[in-house]
Amino acid sequence: MMKTEKITKSYEETIELAKGFSKDLRPGDTVLFYGDLGAGKTCFISGILEGFGFFDGVSSPTFTIVNEYPSSPPVNHFDLYRIKSEDELDEIGFYEYLYSDKINLIEWPERAKGIFSEYSGKIIKVEIIQTENEDERIIKVE
């Protein structure tokens, strides 16, 4: 996949960009999401799920670590923000999730550096652009 960079100026534009991105995902794929708190990672993930026909609401699994969505294809959505060690991921069966035939969307992968240190797959970086438009984002797809 080519590296691309896109500026979105609204929630809706971010959703549409993510729906387009969803067309390139296949069962078993893992996507890592980087960005500050409130940058729009979960918004982008919502758009991916809409691209898969799931419209029942997406929330970041900050406290549960993973949400499983019965979309088509099915998606595991991880938020690693609150993990204190990679051992916590062993406790929830993280590797079984990663090696399943579901798509894995992972926010805050930097909290599990050891696991993703040599990752070479799909990466999304979301940054807020400091302008008068609070919804403006730059989204980098690698």
N, C-alpha and C. Protein backbone atom coordinates (compact mmCIF):
# COMPACT_ATOMS: atom_id res chain seq x y z
N MET A 1 0.84 -1.18 0.00
CA MET A 1 0.00 0.00 0.00
C MET A 1 0.89 1.25 0.00
N MET A 2 0.48 2.21 -0.76
CA MET A 2 1.23 3.46 -0.82
C MET A 2 1.02 4.29 0.44
N LYS A 3 2.02 5.09 0.75
CA LYS A 3 1.86 6.05 1.83
C LYS A 3 1.06 7.22 1.29
N THR A 4 0.05 7.62 2.05
CA THR A 4 -0.76 8.78 1.64
C THR A 4 -0.97 9.67 2.85
N GLU A 5 -1.32 10.91 2.54
CA GLU A 5 -1.58 11.89 3.59
C GLU A 5 -2.79 12.70 3.15
N LYS A 6 -3.74 12.86 4.04
CA LYS A 6 -4.98 13.55 3.70
C LYS A 6 -5.39 14.45 4.85
N ILE A 7 -5.88 15.63 4.52
CA ILE A 7 -6.44 16.52 5.54
C ILE A 7 -7.95 16.38 5.49
N THR A 8 -8.54 16.12 6.65
CA THR A 8 -10.00 16.10 6.74
C THR A 8 -10.43 17.30 7.58
N LYS A 9 -11.54 17.90 7.21
CA LYS A 9 -11.99 19.12 7.87
C LYS A 9 -13.24 18.92 8.72
N SER A 10 -13.70 17.66 8.82
CA SER A 10 -14.89 17.37 9.63
C SER A 10 -14.90 15.90 10.02
N TYR A 11 -15.72 15.61 11.00
CA TYR A 11 -15.95 14.23 11.43
C TYR A 11 -16.38 13.40 10.23
N GLU A 12 -17.32 13.95 9.45
CA GLU A 12 -17.87 13.22 8.31
C GLU A 12 -16.79 12.90 7.26
N GLU A 13 -15.89 13.85 7.02
CA GLU A 13 -14.81 13.59 6.05
C GLU A 13 -13.87 12.49 6.56
N THR A 14 -13.62 12.49 7.86
CA THR A 14 -12.78 11.44 8.44
C THR A 14 -13.45 10.08 8.28
N ILE A 15 -14.74 10.02 8.54
CA ILE A 15 -15.51 8.78 8.38
C ILE A 15 -15.43 8.30 6.93
N GLU A 16 -15.63 9.20 5.97
CA GLU A 16 -15.59 8.82 4.55
C GLU A 16 -14.21 8.31 4.14
N LEU A 17 -13.15 8.97 4.61
CA LEU A 17 -11.79 8.51 4.32
C LEU A 17 -11.58 7.10 4.86
N ALA A 18 -12.04 6.87 6.08
CA ALA A 18 -11.89 5.55 6.70
C ALA A 18 -12.70 4.48 5.97
N LYS A 19 -13.89 4.83 5.51
CA LYS A 19 -14.69 3.87 4.74
C LYS A 19 -13.93 3.43 3.49
N GLY A 20 -13.27 4.38 2.85
CA GLY A 20 -12.46 4.05 1.68
C GLY A 20 -11.29 3.14 2.04
N PHE A 21 -10.64 3.44 3.16
CA PHE A 21 -9.52 2.63 3.64
C PHE A 21 -9.97 1.20 3.94
N SER A 22 -11.20 1.05 4.43
CA SER A 22 -11.70 -0.29 4.80
C SER A 22 -11.71 -1.24 3.61
N LYS A 23 -11.82 -0.70 2.41
CA LYS A 23 -11.87 -1.56 1.21
C LYS A 23 -10.55 -2.32 0.99
N ASP A 24 -9.46 -1.82 1.58
CA ASP A 24 -8.15 -2.48 1.43
C ASP A 24 -7.86 -3.49 2.52
N LEU A 25 -8.76 -3.64 3.48
CA LEU A 25 -8.52 -4.56 4.59
C LEU A 25 -9.09 -5.94 4.32
N ARG A 26 -8.36 -6.93 4.82
CA ARG A 26 -8.77 -8.33 4.64
C ARG A 26 -8.72 -9.04 5.99
N PRO A 27 -9.51 -10.11 6.16
CA PRO A 27 -9.43 -10.88 7.41
C PRO A 27 -7.99 -11.25 7.73
N GLY A 28 -7.63 -11.09 8.99
CA GLY A 28 -6.28 -11.36 9.44
C GLY A 28 -5.37 -10.14 9.47
N ASP A 29 -5.80 -9.04 8.84
CA ASP A 29 -5.00 -7.80 8.84
C ASP A 29 -4.99 -7.16 10.22
N THR A 30 -3.88 -6.48 10.53
CA THR A 30 -3.75 -5.69 11.74
C THR A 30 -3.35 -4.28 11.33
N VAL A 31 -4.03 -3.28 11.93
CA VAL A 31 -3.73 -1.88 11.67
C VAL A 31 -3.41 -1.22 13.00
N LEU A 32 -2.29 -0.50 13.04
CA LEU A 32 -1.88 0.23 14.25
C LEU A 32 -2.26 1.69 14.09
N PHE A 33 -2.83 2.27 15.15
CA PHE A 33 -3.28 3.67 15.14
C PHE A 33 -2.50 4.48 16.15
N TYR A 34 -1.87 5.55 15.66
CA TYR A 34 -1.10 6.45 16.50
C TYR A 34 -1.76 7.82 16.50
N GLY A 35 -1.70 8.50 17.63
CA GLY A 35 -2.22 9.86 17.74
C GLY A 35 -2.49 10.19 19.18
N ASP A 36 -2.48 11.47 19.49
CA ASP A 36 -2.74 11.92 20.85
C ASP A 36 -4.18 11.62 21.27
N LEU A 37 -4.45 11.76 22.56
CA LEU A 37 -5.83 11.65 23.06
C LEU A 37 -6.71 12.65 22.31
N GLY A 38 -7.84 12.19 21.84
CA GLY A 38 -8.78 13.07 21.16
C GLY A 38 -8.41 13.39 19.72
N ALA A 39 -7.39 12.75 19.18
CA ALA A 39 -6.94 13.07 17.82
C ALA A 39 -7.91 12.58 16.75
N GLY A 40 -8.65 11.50 17.03
CA GLY A 40 -9.60 11.00 16.05
C GLY A 40 -9.37 9.55 15.64
N LYS A 41 -8.59 8.82 16.43
CA LYS A 41 -8.33 7.41 16.11
C LYS A 41 -9.63 6.60 16.13
N THR A 42 -10.43 6.78 17.17
CA THR A 42 -11.67 6.02 17.28
C THR A 42 -12.67 6.45 16.20
N CYS A 43 -12.66 7.71 15.84
CA CYS A 43 -13.51 8.19 14.73
C CYS A 43 -13.14 7.45 13.45
N PHE A 44 -11.85 7.34 13.17
CA PHE A 44 -11.40 6.63 11.97
C PHE A 44 -11.84 5.17 12.03
N ILE A 45 -11.71 4.56 13.18
CA ILE A 45 -12.12 3.16 13.34
C ILE A 45 -13.63 3.03 13.13
N SER A 46 -14.40 4.00 13.59
CA SER A 46 -15.85 4.00 13.33
C SER A 46 -16.13 3.97 11.84
N GLY A 47 -15.37 4.77 11.08
CA GLY A 47 -15.54 4.79 9.63
C GLY A 47 -15.19 3.46 8.98
N ILE A 48 -14.14 2.82 9.47
CA ILE A 48 -13.79 1.49 8.96
C ILE A 48 -14.95 0.53 9.18
N LEU A 49 -15.50 0.55 10.39
CA LEU A 49 -16.61 -0.35 10.70
C LEU A 49 -17.85 -0.01 9.87
N GLU A 50 -18.10 1.26 9.61
CA GLU A 50 -19.20 1.62 8.72
C GLU A 50 -18.95 1.05 7.33
N GLY A 51 -17.69 1.08 6.90
CA GLY A 51 -17.34 0.49 5.61
C GLY A 51 -17.64 -1.00 5.56
N PHE A 52 -17.66 -1.64 6.71
CA PHE A 52 -17.99 -3.06 6.81
C PHE A 52 -19.46 -3.29 7.14
N GLY A 53 -20.25 -2.21 7.12
CA GLY A 53 -21.69 -2.35 7.33
C GLY A 53 -22.11 -2.36 8.79
N PHE A 54 -21.22 -1.95 9.70
CA PHE A 54 -21.56 -1.92 11.13
C PHE A 54 -21.85 -0.48 11.53
N PHE A 55 -23.10 -0.22 11.93
CA PHE A 55 -23.53 1.14 12.26
C PHE A 55 -24.06 1.25 13.69
N ASP A 56 -23.80 0.26 14.54
CA ASP A 56 -24.39 0.23 15.88
C ASP A 56 -23.59 0.98 16.93
N GLY A 57 -22.66 1.80 16.53
CA GLY A 57 -21.91 2.59 17.49
C GLY A 57 -20.60 1.93 17.88
N VAL A 58 -19.56 2.73 17.88
CA VAL A 58 -18.22 2.27 18.21
C VAL A 58 -17.71 3.12 19.35
N SER A 59 -17.15 2.48 20.36
CA SER A 59 -16.52 3.23 21.44
C SER A 59 -15.15 2.63 21.71
N SER A 60 -14.27 3.48 22.20
CA SER A 60 -12.93 3.00 22.48
C SER A 60 -12.94 2.10 23.71
N PRO A 61 -12.34 0.93 23.61
CA PRO A 61 -12.35 -0.01 24.74
C PRO A 61 -11.25 0.32 25.77
N THR A 62 -11.27 1.55 26.25
CA THR A 62 -10.22 2.02 27.15
C THR A 62 -10.10 1.17 28.40
N PHE A 63 -11.21 0.72 28.96
CA PHE A 63 -11.16 -0.04 30.21
C PHE A 63 -11.23 -1.54 29.98
N THR A 64 -11.84 -1.97 28.89
CA THR A 64 -11.97 -3.40 28.62
C THR A 64 -10.83 -3.93 27.75
N ILE A 65 -10.05 -3.05 27.17
CA ILE A 65 -8.92 -3.33 26.29
C ILE A 65 -9.36 -3.76 24.89
N VAL A 66 -10.42 -4.55 24.77
CA VAL A 66 -10.85 -4.99 23.43
C VAL A 66 -12.38 -4.98 23.33
N ASN A 67 -12.85 -4.52 22.19
CA ASN A 67 -14.26 -4.67 21.80
C ASN A 67 -14.26 -5.52 20.54
N GLU A 68 -15.18 -6.46 20.49
CA GLU A 68 -15.33 -7.30 19.31
C GLU A 68 -16.59 -6.88 18.58
N TYR A 69 -16.47 -6.61 17.28
CA TYR A 69 -17.62 -6.16 16.49
C TYR A 69 -17.99 -7.23 15.47
N PRO A 70 -19.28 -7.56 15.40
CA PRO A 70 -19.74 -8.59 14.47
C PRO A 70 -19.98 -8.03 13.07
N SER A 71 -19.04 -7.24 12.59
CA SER A 71 -19.15 -6.68 11.25
C SER A 71 -18.79 -7.77 10.24
N SER A 72 -18.78 -7.41 8.98
CA SER A 72 -18.41 -8.37 7.96
C SER A 72 -17.30 -7.76 7.10
N PRO A 73 -16.04 -8.14 7.31
CA PRO A 73 -15.53 -9.16 8.23
C PRO A 73 -15.53 -8.68 9.68
N PRO A 74 -15.46 -9.62 10.63
CA PRO A 74 -15.45 -9.26 12.06
C PRO A 74 -14.18 -8.47 12.43
N VAL A 75 -14.32 -7.60 13.44
CA VAL A 75 -13.24 -6.72 13.86
C VAL A 75 -13.01 -6.82 15.36
N ASN A 76 -11.74 -6.86 15.75
CA ASN A 76 -11.32 -6.69 17.14
C ASN A 76 -10.73 -5.28 17.24
N HIS A 77 -11.25 -4.49 18.16
CA HIS A 77 -10.78 -3.11 18.35
C HIS A 77 -10.11 -3.03 19.72
N PHE A 78 -8.82 -2.74 19.73
CA PHE A 78 -8.04 -2.68 20.97
C PHE A 78 -7.69 -1.24 21.32
N ASP A 79 -7.67 -0.96 22.60
CA ASP A 79 -7.14 0.31 23.12
C ASP A 79 -6.16 -0.07 24.22
N LEU A 80 -4.87 0.12 23.96
CA LEU A 80 -3.83 -0.31 24.89
C LEU A 80 -3.38 0.82 25.82
N TYR A 81 -4.10 1.94 25.82
CA TYR A 81 -3.68 3.11 26.58
C TYR A 81 -3.45 2.81 28.06
N ARG A 82 -4.28 2.00 28.66
CA ARG A 82 -4.21 1.76 30.11
C ARG A 82 -3.38 0.54 30.51
N ILE A 83 -2.82 -0.17 29.55
CA ILE A 83 -2.03 -1.33 29.97
C ILE A 83 -0.72 -0.86 30.59
N LYS A 84 -0.30 -1.57 31.60
CA LYS A 84 0.93 -1.21 32.30
C LYS A 84 2.10 -2.10 31.88
N SER A 85 1.78 -3.29 31.36
CA SER A 85 2.83 -4.18 30.87
C SER A 85 2.23 -5.10 29.82
N GLU A 86 3.11 -5.64 29.02
CA GLU A 86 2.66 -6.57 27.98
C GLU A 86 2.11 -7.86 28.58
N ASP A 87 2.45 -8.15 29.83
CA ASP A 87 1.89 -9.33 30.52
C ASP A 87 0.37 -9.24 30.60
N GLU A 88 -0.17 -8.03 30.76
CA GLU A 88 -1.62 -7.85 30.81
C GLU A 88 -2.28 -8.34 29.51
N LEU A 89 -1.57 -8.18 28.41
CA LEU A 89 -2.11 -8.63 27.13
C LEU A 89 -2.16 -10.15 27.05
N ASP A 90 -1.17 -10.81 27.66
CA ASP A 90 -1.21 -12.27 27.73
C ASP A 90 -2.46 -12.74 28.45
N GLU A 91 -2.83 -12.03 29.50
CA GLU A 91 -3.99 -12.42 30.32
C GLU A 91 -5.30 -12.40 29.54
N ILE A 92 -5.41 -11.52 28.53
CA ILE A 92 -6.66 -11.46 27.76
C ILE A 92 -6.58 -12.28 26.47
N GLY A 93 -5.48 -12.99 26.27
CA GLY A 93 -5.34 -13.80 25.06
C GLY A 93 -5.05 -12.97 23.82
N PHE A 94 -4.28 -11.90 23.99
CA PHE A 94 -4.00 -10.96 22.90
C PHE A 94 -3.47 -11.65 21.65
N TYR A 95 -2.55 -12.60 21.82
CA TYR A 95 -1.95 -13.24 20.65
C TYR A 95 -2.97 -14.09 19.88
N GLU A 96 -3.90 -14.68 20.59
CA GLU A 96 -4.96 -15.44 19.91
C GLU A 96 -5.79 -14.50 19.04
N TYR A 97 -6.08 -13.29 19.57
CA TYR A 97 -6.79 -12.29 18.77
C TYR A 97 -5.97 -11.93 17.52
N LEU A 98 -4.68 -11.65 17.73
CA LEU A 98 -3.84 -11.19 16.62
C LEU A 98 -3.75 -12.21 15.50
N TYR A 99 -3.75 -13.48 15.85
CA TYR A 99 -3.57 -14.51 14.84
C TYR A 99 -4.90 -15.16 14.44
N SER A 100 -5.98 -14.43 14.65
CA SER A 100 -7.30 -14.92 14.24
C SER A 100 -7.56 -14.46 12.80
N ASP A 101 -8.71 -14.83 12.28
CA ASP A 101 -9.08 -14.39 10.93
C ASP A 101 -9.92 -13.12 10.98
N LYS A 102 -9.86 -12.41 12.11
CA LYS A 102 -10.56 -11.13 12.23
C LYS A 102 -9.58 -10.01 11.90
N ILE A 103 -10.11 -8.84 11.64
CA ILE A 103 -9.27 -7.66 11.45
C ILE A 103 -9.02 -7.06 12.82
N ASN A 104 -7.77 -6.73 13.11
CA ASN A 104 -7.39 -6.15 14.40
C ASN A 104 -7.01 -4.69 14.22
N LEU A 105 -7.73 -3.81 14.92
CA LEU A 105 -7.48 -2.38 14.89
C LEU A 105 -6.98 -1.98 16.27
N ILE A 106 -5.75 -1.46 16.36
CA ILE A 106 -5.10 -1.29 17.66
C ILE A 106 -4.69 0.15 17.90
N GLU A 107 -5.35 0.78 18.89
CA GLU A 107 -4.99 2.12 19.33
C GLU A 107 -3.91 2.02 20.40
N TRP A 108 -2.99 2.97 20.42
CA TRP A 108 -1.91 3.05 21.39
C TRP A 108 -0.97 1.85 21.34
N PRO A 109 -0.54 1.40 20.15
CA PRO A 109 0.37 0.26 20.08
C PRO A 109 1.73 0.54 20.71
N GLU A 110 2.07 1.81 20.89
CA GLU A 110 3.36 2.14 21.52
C GLU A 110 3.42 1.66 22.96
N ARG A 111 2.28 1.32 23.55
CA ARG A 111 2.26 0.75 24.91
C ARG A 111 2.72 -0.70 24.92
N ALA A 112 2.84 -1.29 23.75
CA ALA A 112 3.30 -2.68 23.62
C ALA A 112 4.45 -2.72 22.62
N LYS A 113 5.45 -1.92 22.87
CA LYS A 113 6.58 -1.77 21.94
C LYS A 113 7.24 -3.11 21.61
N GLY A 114 7.36 -3.97 22.59
CA GLY A 114 8.01 -5.26 22.35
C GLY A 114 7.27 -6.10 21.32
N ILE A 115 5.97 -6.01 21.33
CA ILE A 115 5.16 -6.80 20.41
C ILE A 115 5.25 -6.24 18.99
N PHE A 116 5.25 -4.91 18.88
CA PHE A 116 5.18 -4.28 17.56
C PHE A 116 6.48 -3.65 17.09
N SER A 117 7.60 -3.97 17.75
CA SER A 117 8.87 -3.33 17.41
C SER A 117 9.30 -3.58 15.97
N GLU A 118 8.93 -4.71 15.40
CA GLU A 118 9.32 -5.02 14.03
C GLU A 118 8.11 -5.11 13.10
N TYR A 119 7.02 -4.48 13.51
CA TYR A 119 5.79 -4.49 12.71
C TYR A 119 6.01 -3.74 11.41
N SER A 120 5.56 -4.30 10.31
CA SER A 120 5.74 -3.64 9.01
C SER A 120 4.43 -3.57 8.23
N GLY A 121 3.32 -3.66 8.93
CA GLY A 121 2.02 -3.62 8.26
C GLY A 121 1.44 -2.22 8.18
N LYS A 122 0.13 -2.17 8.14
CA LYS A 122 -0.59 -0.91 7.96
C LYS A 122 -0.56 -0.05 9.23
N ILE A 123 -0.29 1.23 9.05
CA ILE A 123 -0.24 2.18 10.16
C ILE A 123 -1.02 3.43 9.78
N ILE A 124 -1.82 3.91 10.73
CA ILE A 124 -2.56 5.17 10.58
C ILE A 124 -2.07 6.11 11.66
N LYS A 125 -1.70 7.33 11.26
CA LYS A 125 -1.32 8.37 12.22
C LYS A 125 -2.31 9.52 12.07
N VAL A 126 -2.93 9.90 13.19
CA VAL A 126 -3.93 10.97 13.17
C VAL A 126 -3.42 12.12 14.03
N GLU A 127 -3.40 13.31 13.44
CA GLU A 127 -2.94 14.49 14.17
C GLU A 127 -3.96 15.61 14.03
N ILE A 128 -4.19 16.31 15.12
CA ILE A 128 -5.04 17.50 15.08
C ILE A 128 -4.22 18.63 14.48
N ILE A 129 -4.82 19.36 13.55
CA ILE A 129 -4.17 20.54 12.99
C ILE A 129 -4.66 21.74 13.79
N GLN A 130 -3.75 22.53 14.28
CA GLN A 130 -4.11 23.69 15.10
C GLN A 130 -4.59 24.84 14.21
N THR A 131 -5.90 24.86 13.97
CA THR A 131 -6.54 25.93 13.21
C THR A 131 -7.81 26.33 13.94
N GLU A 132 -8.54 27.24 13.36
CA GLU A 132 -9.83 27.64 13.95
C GLU A 132 -10.84 26.50 13.88
N ASN A 133 -10.68 25.61 12.91
CA ASN A 133 -11.57 24.46 12.75
C ASN A 133 -11.07 23.33 13.64
N GLU A 134 -11.73 23.11 14.76
CA GLU A 134 -11.30 22.09 15.72
C GLU A 134 -11.38 20.66 15.17
N ASP A 135 -12.13 20.46 14.08
CA ASP A 135 -12.29 19.13 13.51
C ASP A 135 -11.27 18.81 12.42
N GLU A 136 -10.35 19.72 12.16
CA GLU A 136 -9.38 19.51 11.10
C GLU A 136 -8.27 18.55 11.56
N ARG A 137 -8.02 17.53 10.74
CA ARG A 137 -7.02 16.52 11.07
C ARG A 137 -6.15 16.26 9.85
N ILE A 138 -4.93 15.84 10.12
CA ILE A 138 -4.10 15.29 9.06
C ILE A 138 -3.98 13.80 9.35
N ILE A 139 -4.29 13.00 8.35
CA ILE A 139 -4.30 11.55 8.52
C ILE A 139 -3.29 10.96 7.55
N LYS A 140 -2.33 10.25 8.13
CA LYS A 140 -1.27 9.62 7.35
C LYS A 140 -1.49 8.12 7.34
N VAL A 141 -1.52 7.56 6.17
CA VAL A 141 -1.68 6.12 6.00
C VAL A 141 -0.36 5.58 5.48
N GLU A 142 0.21 4.63 6.22
CA GLU A 142 1.50 4.04 5.81
C GLU A 142 1.34 2.55 5.60
